[in-house]
Amino acid sequence: MVFSIKEKYEVIKQFLREVKVELKKVTWPSRKDTLAATVVVLITVIIIAFFLGIVDSGLSTLVKELLKKAAS
C-alpha cells in the first residue's frame, strides 16, 4: 500500500487525535498513591537484594569449600 505524503500526514494526525481521546479516559493515580507504591517497590527491592546477597555469599562459601576439598 503506497501513501502520499498528505495521506501519511492525515493518518498520523488521526492517530494523535485518538491517543489524546484515550489519554483523557485514563484515571491517573494521585501523588499520594504514587509515593506509596514507590515506597513499597523500594522496600521490596531492598529485601530481595538483601536475600540474594545472603544466598550468593552462602553459595560462594560452599563452592570454595567444595573446590578446596576437590583440590586436596
Protein backbone atom coordinates (compact mmCIF):
# COMPACT_ATOMS: atom_id res chain seq x y z
CA MET A 1 0.00 0.00 0.00
CA VAL A 2 1.52 3.31 -1.08
CA PHE A 3 0.58 6.52 0.71
CA SER A 4 1.26 10.03 -0.45
CA ILE A 5 2.86 12.45 1.99
CA LYS A 6 -0.53 14.12 2.57
CA GLU A 7 -2.18 10.76 3.37
CA LYS A 8 0.63 9.85 5.79
CA TYR A 9 0.21 13.23 7.49
CA GLU A 10 -3.55 12.65 7.85
CA VAL A 11 -3.01 9.13 9.25
CA ILE A 12 -0.56 10.48 11.83
CA LYS A 13 -2.95 13.32 12.71
CA GLN A 14 -5.83 10.87 13.20
CA PHE A 15 -3.65 8.62 15.33
CA LEU A 16 -2.63 11.51 17.59
CA ARG A 17 -6.28 12.59 17.95
CA GLU A 18 -7.20 9.06 19.05
CA VAL A 19 -4.30 8.98 21.51
CA LYS A 20 -5.49 12.26 23.02
CA VAL A 21 -9.04 10.89 23.43
CA GLU A 22 -7.75 7.69 25.07
CA LEU A 23 -5.47 9.60 27.44
CA LYS A 24 -8.47 11.59 28.66
CA LYS A 25 -10.07 8.30 29.72
CA VAL A 26 -7.11 7.29 31.88
CA THR A 27 -7.52 7.51 35.63
CA TRP A 28 -4.17 8.81 36.81
CA PRO A 29 -3.02 7.93 40.35
CA SER A 30 -2.77 10.67 42.93
CA ARG A 31 0.59 11.85 44.23
CA LYS A 32 -0.10 10.03 47.49
CA ASP A 33 -0.82 6.74 45.69
CA THR A 34 2.29 7.11 43.55
CA LEU A 35 4.52 7.76 46.56
CA ALA A 36 3.01 4.82 48.46
CA ALA A 37 3.59 2.47 45.53
CA THR A 38 7.14 3.75 45.13
CA VAL A 39 7.91 3.09 48.80
CA VAL A 40 6.52 -0.45 48.51
CA VAL A 41 8.67 -1.12 45.43
CA LEU A 42 11.83 0.27 47.07
CA ILE A 43 11.31 -1.77 50.25
CA THR A 44 10.66 -4.91 48.19
CA VAL A 45 13.81 -4.34 46.12
CA ILE A 46 15.91 -3.84 49.27
CA ILE A 47 14.54 -7.01 50.87
CA ILE A 48 15.14 -9.09 47.74
CA ALA A 49 18.64 -7.63 47.28
CA PHE A 50 19.49 -8.49 50.91
CA PHE A 51 18.14 -12.03 50.48
CA LEU A 52 20.03 -12.59 47.24
CA GLY A 53 23.20 -11.21 48.82
CA ILE A 54 22.94 -13.75 51.65
CA VAL A 55 22.23 -16.62 49.22
CA ASP A 56 25.14 -15.54 46.99
CA SER A 57 27.50 -15.34 49.93
CA GLY A 58 26.43 -18.77 51.17
CA LEU A 59 26.77 -20.39 47.76
CA SER A 60 30.19 -18.75 47.22
CA THR A 61 31.41 -20.17 50.51
CA LEU A 62 30.01 -23.60 49.64
CA VAL A 63 31.69 -23.63 46.21
CA LYS A 64 35.03 -22.52 47.73
CA GLU A 65 34.86 -25.32 50.30
CA LEU A 66 33.99 -27.89 47.63
CA LEU A 67 36.90 -26.72 45.46
CA LYS A 68 39.30 -26.92 48.43
CA LYS A 69 38.20 -30.50 49.15
CA ALA A 70 38.46 -31.45 45.48
CA ALA A 71 41.99 -29.98 45.23
CA SER A 72 43.27 -31.84 48.26
